[in-house]
């Protein structure tokens, strides 16, 4: 069985939509793998809706639930362990959503699917590599 994958917010959104902005190699890696989404992704998507950057029909909560079923994926709650790990990430940039998603992957031993260049750079060298963060 494939090691579980945590989809970051963009990966979840694009994979659920079948959007080609998500590279083929990442879409292929999701096939047959257990998929997870941090509860933080719901919060981050809600921020984008509030700011007018994204719209979901009929509503974000309905779309989110339908996307979970369609992929299928399960939501990982934000726990105190994840919160502490997120704050303790060394030399990581300040975006709280990114911190919590990276911490969720680390705490649960999931591979992280992301197209975020900052996360990719952090994971491939220095602290991220030392902590054992694995990217898809």
N, C-alpha and C. Protein backbone atom coordinates (compact mmCIF):
# COMPACT_ATOMS: atom_id res chain seq x y z
N UNK A 1 0.85 -1.19 0.00
CA UNK A 1 0.00 0.00 0.00
C UNK A 1 0.89 1.25 0.00
N UNK A 2 0.44 2.27 -0.70
CA UNK A 2 1.17 3.53 -0.76
C UNK A 2 1.14 4.24 0.58
N UNK A 3 2.22 4.94 0.89
CA UNK A 3 2.26 5.76 2.09
C UNK A 3 1.24 6.89 1.94
N UNK A 4 0.49 7.20 3.00
CA UNK A 4 -0.53 8.25 2.91
C UNK A 4 0.05 9.60 2.47
N UNK A 5 -0.81 10.35 1.80
CA UNK A 5 -0.45 11.67 1.29
C UNK A 5 -1.35 12.72 1.93
N UNK A 6 -0.72 13.77 2.45
CA UNK A 6 -1.46 14.95 2.89
C UNK A 6 -1.44 15.94 1.74
N UNK A 7 -2.62 16.32 1.27
CA UNK A 7 -2.74 17.32 0.21
C UNK A 7 -2.73 18.70 0.83
N UNK A 8 -1.83 19.57 0.39
CA UNK A 8 -1.93 20.94 0.90
C UNK A 8 -3.14 21.59 0.23
N UNK A 9 -3.44 22.81 0.58
CA UNK A 9 -4.67 23.45 0.13
C UNK A 9 -4.76 23.52 -1.40
N UNK A 10 -3.69 23.95 -2.06
CA UNK A 10 -3.72 24.02 -3.53
C UNK A 10 -3.88 22.64 -4.14
N UNK A 11 -3.12 21.67 -3.63
CA UNK A 11 -3.20 20.31 -4.18
C UNK A 11 -4.61 19.74 -4.02
N UNK A 12 -5.21 19.95 -2.86
CA UNK A 12 -6.59 19.47 -2.64
C UNK A 12 -7.55 20.14 -3.62
N UNK A 13 -7.49 21.44 -3.70
CA UNK A 13 -8.38 22.20 -4.57
C UNK A 13 -8.21 21.76 -6.02
N UNK A 14 -6.99 21.74 -6.51
CA UNK A 14 -6.74 21.41 -7.91
C UNK A 14 -7.03 19.95 -8.22
N UNK A 15 -6.68 19.04 -7.31
CA UNK A 15 -6.96 17.62 -7.54
C UNK A 15 -8.46 17.38 -7.59
N UNK A 16 -9.20 18.00 -6.70
CA UNK A 16 -10.65 17.84 -6.67
C UNK A 16 -11.30 18.37 -7.95
N UNK A 17 -10.73 19.43 -8.52
CA UNK A 17 -11.27 20.02 -9.73
C UNK A 17 -10.75 19.35 -11.01
N UNK A 18 -9.71 18.51 -10.86
CA UNK A 18 -9.07 17.96 -12.04
C UNK A 18 -8.28 19.01 -12.80
N UNK A 19 -7.84 20.03 -12.07
CA UNK A 19 -7.15 21.18 -12.65
C UNK A 19 -5.73 20.79 -13.07
N UNK A 20 -5.38 21.16 -14.29
CA UNK A 20 -4.06 20.82 -14.81
C UNK A 20 -2.94 21.68 -14.22
N UNK A 21 -3.28 22.63 -13.36
CA UNK A 21 -2.23 23.37 -12.66
C UNK A 21 -1.46 22.43 -11.72
N UNK A 22 -2.12 21.35 -11.30
CA UNK A 22 -1.44 20.33 -10.50
C UNK A 22 -0.69 19.43 -11.47
N UNK A 23 0.64 19.37 -11.36
CA UNK A 23 1.43 18.59 -12.32
C UNK A 23 0.98 17.12 -12.42
N UNK A 24 1.15 16.57 -13.60
CA UNK A 24 0.75 15.19 -13.88
C UNK A 24 1.39 14.22 -12.88
N UNK A 25 2.65 14.42 -12.55
CA UNK A 25 3.32 13.49 -11.62
C UNK A 25 2.64 13.49 -10.26
N UNK A 26 2.11 14.63 -9.83
CA UNK A 26 1.41 14.69 -8.55
C UNK A 26 0.03 14.05 -8.66
N UNK A 27 -0.67 14.33 -9.75
CA UNK A 27 -1.98 13.70 -9.95
C UNK A 27 -1.84 12.19 -10.01
N UNK A 28 -0.80 11.71 -10.67
CA UNK A 28 -0.57 10.27 -10.77
C UNK A 28 -0.25 9.66 -9.42
N UNK A 29 0.52 10.37 -8.60
CA UNK A 29 0.90 9.86 -7.28
C UNK A 29 -0.31 9.68 -6.37
N UNK A 30 -1.36 10.46 -6.61
CA UNK A 30 -2.55 10.39 -5.76
C UNK A 30 -3.40 9.15 -6.04
N UNK A 31 -3.23 8.57 -7.23
CA UNK A 31 -4.05 7.42 -7.62
C UNK A 31 -3.71 6.23 -6.72
N UNK A 32 -4.70 5.75 -6.01
CA UNK A 32 -4.53 4.57 -5.16
C UNK A 32 -3.91 4.84 -3.80
N UNK A 33 -3.48 6.06 -3.54
CA UNK A 33 -2.87 6.38 -2.24
C UNK A 33 -3.94 6.86 -1.28
N UNK A 34 -3.79 6.54 0.01
CA UNK A 34 -4.70 7.14 0.99
C UNK A 34 -4.45 8.65 1.05
N UNK A 35 -5.52 9.43 0.88
CA UNK A 35 -5.39 10.89 0.82
C UNK A 35 -5.99 11.54 2.06
N UNK A 36 -5.31 12.58 2.53
CA UNK A 36 -5.73 13.33 3.71
C UNK A 36 -5.64 14.82 3.41
N UNK A 37 -6.47 15.59 4.10
CA UNK A 37 -6.49 17.04 3.98
C UNK A 37 -6.53 17.61 5.39
N UNK A 38 -5.69 18.57 5.68
CA UNK A 38 -5.73 19.23 6.98
C UNK A 38 -6.99 20.07 7.09
N UNK A 39 -7.57 20.10 8.28
CA UNK A 39 -8.71 20.99 8.53
C UNK A 39 -8.34 22.44 8.22
N UNK A 40 -7.07 22.74 8.29
CA UNK A 40 -6.58 24.09 8.01
C UNK A 40 -6.88 24.47 6.55
N UNK A 41 -6.95 23.49 5.66
CA UNK A 41 -7.26 23.79 4.25
C UNK A 41 -8.65 24.41 4.14
N UNK A 42 -9.60 23.96 4.95
CA UNK A 42 -10.95 24.55 4.92
C UNK A 42 -10.89 26.02 5.31
N UNK A 43 -10.11 26.31 6.35
CA UNK A 43 -9.94 27.69 6.82
C UNK A 43 -9.28 28.54 5.73
N UNK A 44 -8.23 28.00 5.11
CA UNK A 44 -7.52 28.76 4.09
C UNK A 44 -8.41 29.02 2.88
N UNK A 45 -9.19 28.03 2.45
CA UNK A 45 -10.11 28.25 1.34
C UNK A 45 -11.18 29.28 1.70
N UNK A 46 -11.66 29.23 2.95
CA UNK A 46 -12.66 30.21 3.40
C UNK A 46 -12.11 31.63 3.35
N UNK A 47 -10.85 31.79 3.67
CA UNK A 47 -10.21 33.12 3.57
C UNK A 47 -10.21 33.59 2.12
N UNK A 48 -9.88 32.69 1.19
CA UNK A 48 -9.88 33.05 -0.23
C UNK A 48 -11.27 33.43 -0.71
N UNK A 49 -12.29 32.74 -0.21
CA UNK A 49 -13.68 33.09 -0.56
C UNK A 49 -14.02 34.47 -0.03
N UNK A 50 -13.69 34.72 1.24
CA UNK A 50 -14.00 36.02 1.86
C UNK A 50 -13.33 37.16 1.10
N UNK A 51 -12.12 36.93 0.62
CA UNK A 51 -11.38 37.97 -0.10
C UNK A 51 -11.77 38.06 -1.57
N UNK A 52 -12.71 37.21 -2.00
CA UNK A 52 -13.17 37.25 -3.38
C UNK A 52 -12.24 36.59 -4.38
N UNK A 53 -11.26 35.82 -3.92
CA UNK A 53 -10.31 35.18 -4.82
C UNK A 53 -10.83 33.88 -5.41
N UNK A 54 -11.74 33.21 -4.68
CA UNK A 54 -12.31 31.94 -5.12
C UNK A 54 -13.81 31.94 -4.83
N UNK A 55 -14.53 31.17 -5.62
CA UNK A 55 -15.94 30.93 -5.34
C UNK A 55 -16.19 29.43 -5.49
N UNK A 56 -17.11 28.92 -4.71
CA UNK A 56 -17.46 27.50 -4.73
C UNK A 56 -18.97 27.38 -4.79
N UNK A 57 -19.45 26.47 -5.63
CA UNK A 57 -20.89 26.29 -5.79
C UNK A 57 -21.31 24.92 -5.27
N UNK A 58 -22.41 24.85 -4.53
CA UNK A 58 -23.26 25.98 -4.17
C UNK A 58 -22.65 26.83 -3.06
N UNK A 59 -21.88 26.22 -2.16
CA UNK A 59 -21.17 26.93 -1.09
C UNK A 59 -19.86 26.20 -0.84
N UNK A 60 -18.94 26.85 -0.18
CA UNK A 60 -17.68 26.19 0.16
C UNK A 60 -17.89 24.95 1.03
N UNK A 61 -18.68 25.01 2.10
CA UNK A 61 -18.85 23.79 2.91
C UNK A 61 -19.40 22.60 2.12
N UNK A 62 -20.36 22.86 1.24
CA UNK A 62 -20.92 21.77 0.43
C UNK A 62 -19.88 21.26 -0.55
N UNK A 63 -19.17 22.16 -1.25
CA UNK A 63 -18.13 21.76 -2.19
C UNK A 63 -17.04 20.94 -1.48
N UNK A 64 -16.63 21.41 -0.32
CA UNK A 64 -15.56 20.75 0.44
C UNK A 64 -15.96 19.30 0.75
N UNK A 65 -17.16 19.11 1.27
CA UNK A 65 -17.64 17.75 1.60
C UNK A 65 -17.72 16.88 0.35
N UNK A 66 -18.23 17.44 -0.74
CA UNK A 66 -18.33 16.69 -1.99
C UNK A 66 -16.94 16.32 -2.51
N UNK A 67 -15.98 17.21 -2.39
CA UNK A 67 -14.61 16.94 -2.85
C UNK A 67 -13.98 15.82 -2.03
N UNK A 68 -14.22 15.83 -0.72
CA UNK A 68 -13.69 14.76 0.14
C UNK A 68 -14.22 13.40 -0.29
N UNK A 69 -15.52 13.34 -0.58
CA UNK A 69 -16.13 12.09 -1.00
C UNK A 69 -15.62 11.66 -2.37
N UNK A 70 -15.50 12.61 -3.29
CA UNK A 70 -15.11 12.30 -4.66
C UNK A 70 -13.67 11.80 -4.77
N UNK A 71 -12.76 12.33 -3.98
CA UNK A 71 -11.35 11.97 -4.16
C UNK A 71 -11.04 10.50 -3.88
N UNK A 72 -11.34 9.82 -2.91
CA UNK A 72 -11.79 10.24 -1.59
C UNK A 72 -10.61 10.67 -0.72
N UNK A 73 -10.92 11.51 0.27
CA UNK A 73 -9.92 11.98 1.23
C UNK A 73 -10.58 12.15 2.59
N UNK A 74 -9.76 12.09 3.62
CA UNK A 74 -10.24 12.29 4.98
C UNK A 74 -9.61 13.55 5.56
N UNK A 75 -10.35 14.22 6.44
CA UNK A 75 -9.85 15.43 7.08
C UNK A 75 -9.05 15.06 8.33
N UNK A 76 -7.91 15.72 8.49
CA UNK A 76 -7.09 15.56 9.69
C UNK A 76 -7.31 16.81 10.55
N UNK A 77 -7.78 16.63 11.78
CA UNK A 77 -8.02 17.80 12.63
C UNK A 77 -6.72 18.46 13.07
N UNK A 78 -6.82 19.72 13.40
CA UNK A 78 -5.69 20.45 13.99
C UNK A 78 -5.65 20.11 15.47
N UNK A 79 -4.62 19.42 15.89
CA UNK A 79 -4.47 19.02 17.29
C UNK A 79 -3.44 19.90 17.98
N UNK A 80 -3.37 19.77 19.28
CA UNK A 80 -2.35 20.55 20.00
C UNK A 80 -0.93 20.09 19.61
N UNK A 81 -0.75 18.79 19.30
CA UNK A 81 0.58 18.32 18.87
C UNK A 81 0.98 18.99 17.56
N UNK A 82 0.03 19.08 16.64
CA UNK A 82 0.32 19.73 15.35
C UNK A 82 0.58 21.21 15.55
N UNK A 83 -0.19 21.86 16.41
CA UNK A 83 0.02 23.28 16.68
C UNK A 83 1.42 23.54 17.25
N UNK A 84 1.82 22.71 18.22
CA UNK A 84 3.16 22.88 18.80
C UNK A 84 4.25 22.62 17.77
N UNK A 85 4.09 21.57 16.98
CA UNK A 85 5.08 21.26 15.94
C UNK A 85 5.15 22.38 14.90
N UNK A 86 3.99 22.92 14.54
CA UNK A 86 3.96 24.00 13.55
C UNK A 86 4.73 25.22 14.01
N UNK A 87 4.59 25.55 15.27
CA UNK A 87 5.29 26.71 15.82
C UNK A 87 6.79 26.44 15.96
N UNK A 88 7.16 25.18 16.15
CA UNK A 88 8.56 24.83 16.40
C UNK A 88 9.36 24.59 15.12
N UNK A 89 8.74 24.68 13.95
CA UNK A 89 9.49 24.41 12.71
C UNK A 89 10.64 25.40 12.56
N UNK A 90 11.86 24.89 12.48
CA UNK A 90 13.02 25.78 12.39
C UNK A 90 13.18 26.39 10.99
N UNK A 91 13.53 27.65 10.95
CA UNK A 91 13.84 28.37 9.71
C UNK A 91 12.74 28.24 8.67
N UNK A 92 11.50 28.28 9.11
CA UNK A 92 10.36 28.16 8.21
C UNK A 92 9.67 29.50 8.11
N UNK A 93 9.11 29.81 6.96
CA UNK A 93 8.46 31.10 6.78
C UNK A 93 7.20 31.22 7.64
N UNK A 94 6.62 32.40 7.72
CA UNK A 94 5.60 32.71 8.70
C UNK A 94 4.17 32.34 8.39
N UNK A 95 3.85 31.82 7.20
CA UNK A 95 2.47 31.51 6.85
C UNK A 95 1.93 30.41 7.77
N UNK A 96 0.93 30.73 8.61
CA UNK A 96 0.43 29.73 9.56
C UNK A 96 -0.19 28.52 8.89
N UNK A 97 -0.88 28.70 7.77
CA UNK A 97 -1.48 27.55 7.08
C UNK A 97 -0.39 26.58 6.61
N UNK A 98 0.67 27.11 6.03
CA UNK A 98 1.78 26.26 5.59
C UNK A 98 2.43 25.56 6.79
N UNK A 99 2.63 26.29 7.87
CA UNK A 99 3.22 25.69 9.07
C UNK A 99 2.38 24.52 9.57
N UNK A 100 1.06 24.74 9.65
CA UNK A 100 0.19 23.68 10.16
C UNK A 100 0.11 22.49 9.20
N UNK A 101 0.15 22.75 7.91
CA UNK A 101 0.09 21.63 6.97
C UNK A 101 1.38 20.82 6.98
N UNK A 102 2.51 21.47 7.05
CA UNK A 102 3.79 20.76 7.17
C UNK A 102 3.82 19.98 8.48
N UNK A 103 3.40 20.61 9.56
CA UNK A 103 3.39 19.94 10.86
C UNK A 103 2.45 18.74 10.85
N UNK A 104 1.31 18.86 10.18
CA UNK A 104 0.37 17.74 10.08
C UNK A 104 1.03 16.55 9.40
N UNK A 105 1.75 16.81 8.33
CA UNK A 105 2.45 15.73 7.62
C UNK A 105 3.51 15.10 8.52
N UNK A 106 4.27 15.93 9.22
CA UNK A 106 5.33 15.40 10.09
C UNK A 106 4.76 14.58 11.25
N UNK A 107 3.77 15.12 11.94
CA UNK A 107 3.21 14.44 13.12
C UNK A 107 2.58 13.10 12.74
N UNK A 108 1.95 13.05 11.56
CA UNK A 108 1.25 11.83 11.16
C UNK A 108 2.05 10.91 10.25
N UNK A 109 3.25 11.33 9.87
CA UNK A 109 4.08 10.50 9.00
C UNK A 109 3.58 10.40 7.57
N UNK A 110 2.91 11.46 7.10
CA UNK A 110 2.39 11.49 5.74
C UNK A 110 3.40 12.14 4.80
N UNK A 111 3.35 11.75 3.54
CA UNK A 111 4.05 12.50 2.50
C UNK A 111 3.22 13.75 2.24
N UNK A 112 3.85 14.84 1.86
CA UNK A 112 3.14 16.08 1.60
C UNK A 112 3.12 16.37 0.11
N UNK A 113 1.91 16.60 -0.43
CA UNK A 113 1.78 17.02 -1.81
C UNK A 113 1.60 18.53 -1.83
N UNK A 114 2.54 19.21 -2.44
CA UNK A 114 2.50 20.67 -2.51
C UNK A 114 3.15 21.14 -3.80
N UNK A 115 2.77 22.33 -4.24
CA UNK A 115 3.45 23.00 -5.35
C UNK A 115 4.04 24.32 -4.85
N UNK A 116 4.07 24.48 -3.54
CA UNK A 116 4.60 25.69 -2.91
C UNK A 116 6.12 25.64 -2.93
N UNK A 117 6.72 26.55 -3.67
CA UNK A 117 8.17 26.58 -3.82
C UNK A 117 8.91 26.76 -2.51
N UNK A 118 8.35 27.54 -1.58
CA UNK A 118 9.01 27.76 -0.29
C UNK A 118 9.05 26.46 0.52
N UNK A 119 7.94 25.74 0.52
CA UNK A 119 7.90 24.47 1.25
C UNK A 119 8.83 23.47 0.59
N UNK A 120 8.81 23.41 -0.74
CA UNK A 120 9.68 22.46 -1.45
C UNK A 120 11.15 22.72 -1.14
N UNK A 121 11.56 23.98 -1.16
CA UNK A 121 12.96 24.32 -0.87
C UNK A 121 13.32 23.95 0.57
N UNK A 122 12.42 24.25 1.50
CA UNK A 122 12.66 23.96 2.92
C UNK A 122 12.76 22.45 3.15
N UNK A 123 11.93 21.68 2.44
CA UNK A 123 11.90 20.23 2.64
C UNK A 123 13.10 19.52 2.03
N UNK A 124 13.65 20.08 0.97
CA UNK A 124 14.71 19.40 0.24
C UNK A 124 16.10 19.66 0.80
N UNK A 125 16.20 20.64 1.68
CA UNK A 125 17.51 20.92 2.27
C UNK A 125 17.31 21.39 3.69
N UNK A 126 18.33 21.33 4.46
CA UNK A 126 18.30 21.87 5.81
C UNK A 126 17.24 21.27 6.71
N UNK A 127 16.51 22.13 7.42
CA UNK A 127 15.62 21.68 8.49
C UNK A 127 14.55 20.68 8.05
N UNK A 128 13.91 20.93 6.93
CA UNK A 128 12.85 20.02 6.49
C UNK A 128 13.37 18.63 6.22
N UNK A 129 14.51 18.56 5.59
CA UNK A 129 15.12 17.26 5.31
C UNK A 129 15.53 16.58 6.62
N UNK A 130 16.11 17.35 7.53
CA UNK A 130 16.54 16.79 8.82
C UNK A 130 15.36 16.28 9.65
N UNK A 131 14.20 16.95 9.53
CA UNK A 131 13.01 16.52 10.28
C UNK A 131 12.32 15.33 9.64
N UNK A 132 12.71 15.02 8.40
CA UNK A 132 12.14 13.87 7.72
C UNK A 132 10.89 14.16 6.91
N UNK A 133 10.66 15.41 6.55
CA UNK A 133 9.51 15.72 5.72
C UNK A 133 9.75 15.14 4.32
N UNK A 134 8.79 14.35 3.87
CA UNK A 134 8.88 13.73 2.55
C UNK A 134 7.83 14.37 1.65
N UNK A 135 8.26 14.81 0.49
CA UNK A 135 7.34 15.37 -0.49
C UNK A 135 6.98 14.30 -1.51
N UNK A 136 5.80 14.47 -2.11
CA UNK A 136 5.38 13.56 -3.17
C UNK A 136 6.11 13.97 -4.43
